[in-house]
Amino acid sequence: MGLSFGKLFSRLFAKKEMRILMVGLDAAGKTTILYKLKLGEIVTTIPTIGFNVETVEYKNISFTVWDVGGQDKIRPLWRHYFQNTQGLIFVVDSNDRERVVEARDELHRMLNEVI
């Protein structure tokens, strides 16, 4: 009985870990969002070549957020980050109206690779 209660207690209150993939076109604001979540403030960023990864704590959940660069040469590499990912954030700069269609097309392309 005590062992079962202990398992139940640890499942209910143990820290959960989630892997989140954040992608989008270059200059969409992915890194800015990542560090706003992590530090609570806006920081100056440079274009991401490769990726940034940070752990963000919220209540009893530890989110490991992978911010992957969005330059057109890097986008084909996004699929290599899909494995073991529990969530996806696709960032769109809605103020950049000239690239909204491009963002849509990249999202569809990525989702077709997953399915």
N, C-alpha and C. Protein backbone atom coordinates (compact mmCIF):
# COMPACT_ATOMS: atom_id res chain seq x y z
N MET A 1 0.83 -1.20 0.00
CA MET A 1 0.00 0.00 0.00
C MET A 1 0.87 1.26 0.00
N GLY A 2 1.87 1.27 0.89
CA GLY A 2 2.74 2.44 0.97
C GLY A 2 3.51 2.66 -0.31
N LEU A 3 3.96 1.59 -0.94
CA LEU A 3 4.70 1.71 -2.19
C LEU A 3 3.82 2.28 -3.29
N SER A 4 2.59 1.82 -3.37
CA SER A 4 1.66 2.32 -4.38
C SER A 4 1.36 3.80 -4.16
N PHE A 5 1.17 4.19 -2.91
CA PHE A 5 0.90 5.60 -2.61
C PHE A 5 2.11 6.46 -2.98
N GLY A 6 3.30 5.95 -2.71
CA GLY A 6 4.52 6.68 -3.05
C GLY A 6 4.65 6.90 -4.55
N LYS A 7 4.33 5.88 -5.33
CA LYS A 7 4.38 6.01 -6.79
C LYS A 7 3.36 7.03 -7.28
N LEU A 8 2.15 6.96 -6.72
CA LEU A 8 1.10 7.90 -7.10
C LEU A 8 1.52 9.33 -6.76
N PHE A 9 2.05 9.51 -5.56
CA PHE A 9 2.49 10.83 -5.12
C PHE A 9 3.57 11.38 -6.04
N SER A 10 4.55 10.54 -6.39
CA SER A 10 5.63 11.03 -7.25
C SER A 10 5.15 11.34 -8.66
N ARG A 11 4.19 10.58 -9.15
CA ARG A 11 3.65 10.88 -10.49
C ARG A 11 2.87 12.19 -10.50
N LEU A 12 2.16 12.45 -9.43
CA LEU A 12 1.35 13.66 -9.37
C LEU A 12 2.20 14.91 -9.15
N PHE A 13 3.27 14.79 -8.38
CA PHE A 13 4.00 15.98 -7.96
C PHE A 13 5.43 16.04 -8.48
N ALA A 14 5.86 15.04 -9.20
CA ALA A 14 7.22 15.06 -9.74
C ALA A 14 7.34 16.10 -10.84
N LYS A 15 8.53 16.61 -10.99
CA LYS A 15 8.78 17.58 -12.06
C LYS A 15 8.69 16.88 -13.41
N LYS A 16 7.90 17.45 -14.29
CA LYS A 16 7.76 16.90 -15.63
C LYS A 16 8.73 17.61 -16.56
N GLU A 17 9.22 16.90 -17.56
CA GLU A 17 10.13 17.49 -18.53
C GLU A 17 9.51 17.43 -19.91
N MET A 18 9.54 18.54 -20.61
CA MET A 18 8.97 18.64 -21.95
C MET A 18 10.01 19.24 -22.89
N ARG A 19 10.10 18.67 -24.08
CA ARG A 19 11.00 19.21 -25.11
C ARG A 19 10.14 19.96 -26.12
N ILE A 20 10.46 21.22 -26.34
CA ILE A 20 9.70 22.10 -27.23
C ILE A 20 10.61 22.54 -28.37
N LEU A 21 10.11 22.48 -29.59
CA LEU A 21 10.84 22.95 -30.76
C LEU A 21 10.22 24.27 -31.21
N MET A 22 11.05 25.31 -31.34
CA MET A 22 10.57 26.61 -31.79
C MET A 22 11.24 26.93 -33.13
N VAL A 23 10.42 27.06 -34.16
CA VAL A 23 10.92 27.35 -35.50
C VAL A 23 10.09 28.46 -36.13
N GLY A 24 10.54 28.95 -37.26
CA GLY A 24 9.88 30.01 -38.00
C GLY A 24 10.91 30.63 -38.93
N LEU A 25 10.46 31.54 -39.77
CA LEU A 25 11.38 32.19 -40.70
C LEU A 25 12.43 32.99 -39.94
N ASP A 26 13.52 33.30 -40.64
CA ASP A 26 14.55 34.15 -40.04
C ASP A 26 13.95 35.50 -39.68
N ALA A 27 14.43 36.06 -38.59
CA ALA A 27 14.01 37.38 -38.09
C ALA A 27 12.54 37.45 -37.67
N ALA A 28 11.95 36.29 -37.34
CA ALA A 28 10.55 36.28 -36.90
C ALA A 28 10.41 36.62 -35.42
N GLY A 29 11.49 36.46 -34.65
CA GLY A 29 11.43 36.78 -33.22
C GLY A 29 11.58 35.57 -32.31
N LYS A 30 12.02 34.44 -32.83
CA LYS A 30 12.15 33.22 -32.03
C LYS A 30 13.09 33.38 -30.84
N THR A 31 14.27 33.90 -31.10
CA THR A 31 15.26 34.04 -30.03
C THR A 31 14.80 35.08 -29.01
N THR A 32 14.18 36.14 -29.47
CA THR A 32 13.64 37.15 -28.56
C THR A 32 12.60 36.53 -27.64
N ILE A 33 11.71 35.71 -28.18
CA ILE A 33 10.69 35.04 -27.37
C ILE A 33 11.36 34.09 -26.37
N LEU A 34 12.34 33.32 -26.83
CA LEU A 34 13.02 32.37 -25.95
C LEU A 34 13.60 33.07 -24.73
N TYR A 35 14.32 34.16 -24.95
CA TYR A 35 14.96 34.84 -23.82
C TYR A 35 13.99 35.67 -23.00
N LYS A 36 12.88 36.08 -23.57
CA LYS A 36 11.83 36.71 -22.77
C LYS A 36 11.23 35.68 -21.80
N LEU A 37 11.02 34.45 -22.29
CA LEU A 37 10.52 33.38 -21.43
C LEU A 37 11.55 33.01 -20.35
N LYS A 38 12.80 32.92 -20.73
CA LYS A 38 13.87 32.49 -19.82
C LYS A 38 14.23 33.56 -18.81
N LEU A 39 14.44 34.79 -19.27
CA LEU A 39 14.96 35.86 -18.41
C LEU A 39 13.92 36.87 -17.96
N GLY A 40 12.77 36.87 -18.66
CA GLY A 40 11.74 37.84 -18.33
C GLY A 40 12.00 39.22 -18.89
N GLU A 41 12.93 39.33 -19.81
CA GLU A 41 13.24 40.64 -20.39
C GLU A 41 13.63 40.48 -21.85
N ILE A 42 13.55 41.58 -22.57
CA ILE A 42 13.93 41.61 -23.98
C ILE A 42 15.45 41.82 -24.07
N VAL A 43 16.10 40.98 -24.85
CA VAL A 43 17.55 41.12 -25.03
C VAL A 43 17.86 41.36 -26.50
N THR A 44 18.99 41.96 -26.76
CA THR A 44 19.44 42.16 -28.14
C THR A 44 19.96 40.83 -28.67
N THR A 45 19.54 40.46 -29.87
CA THR A 45 19.93 39.18 -30.44
C THR A 45 20.61 39.38 -31.79
N ILE A 46 21.27 38.33 -32.22
CA ILE A 46 21.85 38.29 -33.57
C ILE A 46 21.22 37.10 -34.28
N PRO A 47 21.28 37.04 -35.60
CA PRO A 47 20.70 35.90 -36.31
C PRO A 47 21.26 34.57 -35.80
N THR A 48 20.37 33.61 -35.61
CA THR A 48 20.76 32.31 -35.09
C THR A 48 21.28 31.43 -36.23
N ILE A 49 22.53 31.05 -36.12
CA ILE A 49 23.10 30.08 -37.05
C ILE A 49 23.22 28.79 -36.26
N GLY A 50 22.39 27.82 -36.58
CA GLY A 50 22.33 26.61 -35.77
C GLY A 50 21.14 26.70 -34.84
N PHE A 51 21.40 26.70 -33.52
CA PHE A 51 20.30 26.71 -32.57
C PHE A 51 20.73 27.33 -31.25
N ASN A 52 19.72 27.73 -30.47
CA ASN A 52 19.88 28.10 -29.06
C ASN A 52 19.01 27.13 -28.28
N VAL A 53 19.45 26.71 -27.13
CA VAL A 53 18.63 25.84 -26.29
C VAL A 53 18.69 26.35 -24.86
N GLU A 54 17.51 26.48 -24.25
CA GLU A 54 17.40 26.95 -22.87
C GLU A 54 16.33 26.14 -22.16
N THR A 55 16.47 26.04 -20.86
CA THR A 55 15.46 25.39 -20.03
C THR A 55 14.66 26.48 -19.34
N VAL A 56 13.34 26.39 -19.46
CA VAL A 56 12.43 27.35 -18.85
C VAL A 56 11.57 26.59 -17.85
N GLU A 57 11.56 27.04 -16.60
CA GLU A 57 10.79 26.40 -15.55
C GLU A 57 9.44 27.11 -15.40
N TYR A 58 8.38 26.30 -15.31
CA TYR A 58 7.05 26.85 -15.04
C TYR A 58 6.31 25.85 -14.17
N LYS A 59 5.98 26.27 -12.95
CA LYS A 59 5.35 25.40 -11.96
C LYS A 59 6.18 24.13 -11.84
N ASN A 60 5.59 22.95 -12.05
CA ASN A 60 6.36 21.71 -11.91
C ASN A 60 6.78 21.15 -13.27
N ILE A 61 6.89 22.02 -14.27
CA ILE A 61 7.28 21.57 -15.61
C ILE A 61 8.58 22.26 -16.01
N SER A 62 9.50 21.47 -16.52
CA SER A 62 10.75 21.98 -17.04
C SER A 62 10.71 21.85 -18.56
N PHE A 63 10.62 22.99 -19.24
CA PHE A 63 10.57 23.01 -20.69
C PHE A 63 11.98 23.21 -21.24
N THR A 64 12.44 22.29 -22.06
CA THR A 64 13.69 22.50 -22.79
C THR A 64 13.29 22.99 -24.17
N VAL A 65 13.59 24.25 -24.43
CA VAL A 65 13.15 24.90 -25.67
C VAL A 65 14.33 24.99 -26.64
N TRP A 66 14.14 24.40 -27.81
CA TRP A 66 15.13 24.43 -28.88
C TRP A 66 14.69 25.48 -29.89
N ASP A 67 15.44 26.56 -29.99
CA ASP A 67 15.19 27.66 -30.93
C ASP A 67 16.14 27.43 -32.10
N VAL A 68 15.57 27.02 -33.24
CA VAL A 68 16.39 26.65 -34.40
C VAL A 68 16.35 27.78 -35.43
N GLY A 69 17.49 28.10 -36.00
CA GLY A 69 17.59 29.17 -36.99
C GLY A 69 16.59 29.01 -38.12
N GLY A 70 16.19 30.14 -38.70
CA GLY A 70 15.15 30.12 -39.73
C GLY A 70 15.60 30.55 -41.12
N GLN A 71 16.90 30.70 -41.34
CA GLN A 71 17.37 31.06 -42.68
C GLN A 71 17.01 29.93 -43.65
N ASP A 72 16.76 30.29 -44.90
CA ASP A 72 16.29 29.29 -45.87
C ASP A 72 17.26 28.12 -46.02
N LYS A 73 18.55 28.33 -45.82
CA LYS A 73 19.52 27.23 -45.93
C LYS A 73 19.44 26.28 -44.73
N ILE A 74 18.92 26.76 -43.60
CA ILE A 74 18.85 25.96 -42.38
C ILE A 74 17.52 25.21 -42.27
N ARG A 75 16.47 25.70 -42.87
CA ARG A 75 15.13 25.11 -42.72
C ARG A 75 15.07 23.62 -43.02
N PRO A 76 15.78 23.11 -44.04
CA PRO A 76 15.73 21.66 -44.27
C PRO A 76 16.25 20.84 -43.08
N LEU A 77 16.98 21.47 -42.18
CA LEU A 77 17.51 20.76 -41.01
C LEU A 77 16.51 20.66 -39.87
N TRP A 78 15.41 21.42 -39.94
CA TRP A 78 14.43 21.39 -38.86
C TRP A 78 13.99 19.98 -38.53
N ARG A 79 13.81 19.14 -39.55
CA ARG A 79 13.27 17.79 -39.34
C ARG A 79 14.16 16.95 -38.42
N HIS A 80 15.43 17.29 -38.33
CA HIS A 80 16.34 16.54 -37.46
C HIS A 80 16.08 16.82 -35.98
N TYR A 81 15.29 17.81 -35.68
CA TYR A 81 14.97 18.17 -34.30
C TYR A 81 13.61 17.62 -33.86
N PHE A 82 12.86 16.97 -34.75
CA PHE A 82 11.51 16.50 -34.43
C PHE A 82 11.48 15.40 -33.39
N GLN A 83 12.46 14.50 -33.42
CA GLN A 83 12.42 13.32 -32.56
C GLN A 83 12.40 13.72 -31.08
N ASN A 84 11.55 13.07 -30.31
CA ASN A 84 11.39 13.29 -28.86
C ASN A 84 10.87 14.69 -28.51
N THR A 85 10.25 15.36 -29.47
CA THR A 85 9.68 16.69 -29.22
C THR A 85 8.21 16.54 -28.85
N GLN A 86 7.81 17.16 -27.74
CA GLN A 86 6.42 17.09 -27.29
C GLN A 86 5.59 18.30 -27.71
N GLY A 87 6.24 19.36 -28.15
CA GLY A 87 5.49 20.56 -28.53
C GLY A 87 6.22 21.36 -29.59
N LEU A 88 5.46 22.14 -30.33
CA LEU A 88 6.01 22.96 -31.40
C LEU A 88 5.49 24.38 -31.26
N ILE A 89 6.40 25.34 -31.37
CA ILE A 89 6.02 26.75 -31.46
C ILE A 89 6.50 27.22 -32.83
N PHE A 90 5.56 27.63 -33.68
CA PHE A 90 5.93 28.18 -34.99
C PHE A 90 5.70 29.68 -34.92
N VAL A 91 6.77 30.44 -35.00
CA VAL A 91 6.71 31.89 -34.81
C VAL A 91 6.55 32.57 -36.17
N VAL A 92 5.57 33.47 -36.23
CA VAL A 92 5.32 34.26 -37.44
C VAL A 92 5.36 35.73 -37.06
N ASP A 93 6.13 36.51 -37.79
CA ASP A 93 6.14 37.96 -37.61
C ASP A 93 4.96 38.50 -38.42
N SER A 94 3.83 38.70 -37.75
CA SER A 94 2.62 39.13 -38.45
C SER A 94 2.74 40.56 -38.97
N ASN A 95 3.73 41.28 -38.53
CA ASN A 95 3.95 42.63 -39.01
C ASN A 95 4.67 42.64 -40.37
N ASP A 96 5.33 41.53 -40.69
CA ASP A 96 6.05 41.40 -41.96
C ASP A 96 5.11 40.74 -42.98
N ARG A 97 4.17 41.52 -43.49
CA ARG A 97 3.12 40.99 -44.36
C ARG A 97 3.66 40.37 -45.64
N GLU A 98 4.81 40.84 -46.10
CA GLU A 98 5.38 40.29 -47.34
C GLU A 98 5.83 38.84 -47.18
N ARG A 99 6.02 38.38 -45.93
CA ARG A 99 6.54 37.02 -45.72
C ARG A 99 5.53 36.07 -45.07
N VAL A 100 4.30 36.52 -44.86
CA VAL A 100 3.31 35.65 -44.22
C VAL A 100 3.03 34.42 -45.07
N VAL A 101 2.94 34.58 -46.37
CA VAL A 101 2.69 33.43 -47.26
C VAL A 101 3.89 32.48 -47.22
N GLU A 102 5.09 33.02 -47.19
CA GLU A 102 6.29 32.18 -47.09
C GLU A 102 6.28 31.39 -45.77
N ALA A 103 5.88 32.04 -44.69
CA ALA A 103 5.78 31.36 -43.39
C ALA A 103 4.76 30.24 -43.45
N ARG A 104 3.61 30.51 -44.06
CA ARG A 104 2.58 29.48 -44.20
C ARG A 104 3.12 28.29 -44.98
N ASP A 105 3.80 28.56 -46.09
CA ASP A 105 4.33 27.48 -46.92
C ASP A 105 5.36 26.65 -46.16
N GLU A 106 6.21 27.29 -45.36
CA GLU A 106 7.21 26.55 -44.58
C GLU A 106 6.54 25.70 -43.50
N LEU A 107 5.50 26.24 -42.87
CA LEU A 107 4.77 25.46 -41.87
C LEU A 107 4.14 24.23 -42.51
N HIS A 108 3.49 24.41 -43.64
CA HIS A 108 2.88 23.26 -44.34
C HIS A 108 3.93 22.25 -44.76
N ARG A 109 5.05 22.72 -45.27
CA ARG A 109 6.13 21.82 -45.69
C ARG A 109 6.63 20.99 -44.50
N MET A 110 6.81 21.67 -43.37
CA MET A 110 7.29 20.99 -42.17
C MET A 110 6.27 19.96 -41.67
N LEU A 111 5.01 20.33 -41.63
CA LEU A 111 3.97 19.41 -41.15
C LEU A 111 3.83 18.21 -42.07
N ASN A 112 4.02 18.40 -43.37
CA ASN A 112 3.96 17.27 -44.30
C ASN A 112 5.11 16.29 -44.07
N GLU A 113 6.25 16.78 -43.60
CA GLU A 113 7.37 15.89 -43.28
C GLU A 113 7.09 15.06 -42.04
N VAL A 114 6.35 15.63 -41.10
CA VAL A 114 6.06 14.94 -39.84
C VAL A 114 5.04 13.83 -40.05
N ILE A 115 4.05 14.09 -40.89
CA ILE A 115 2.94 13.15 -41.07
C ILE A 115 3.32 11.99 -41.94
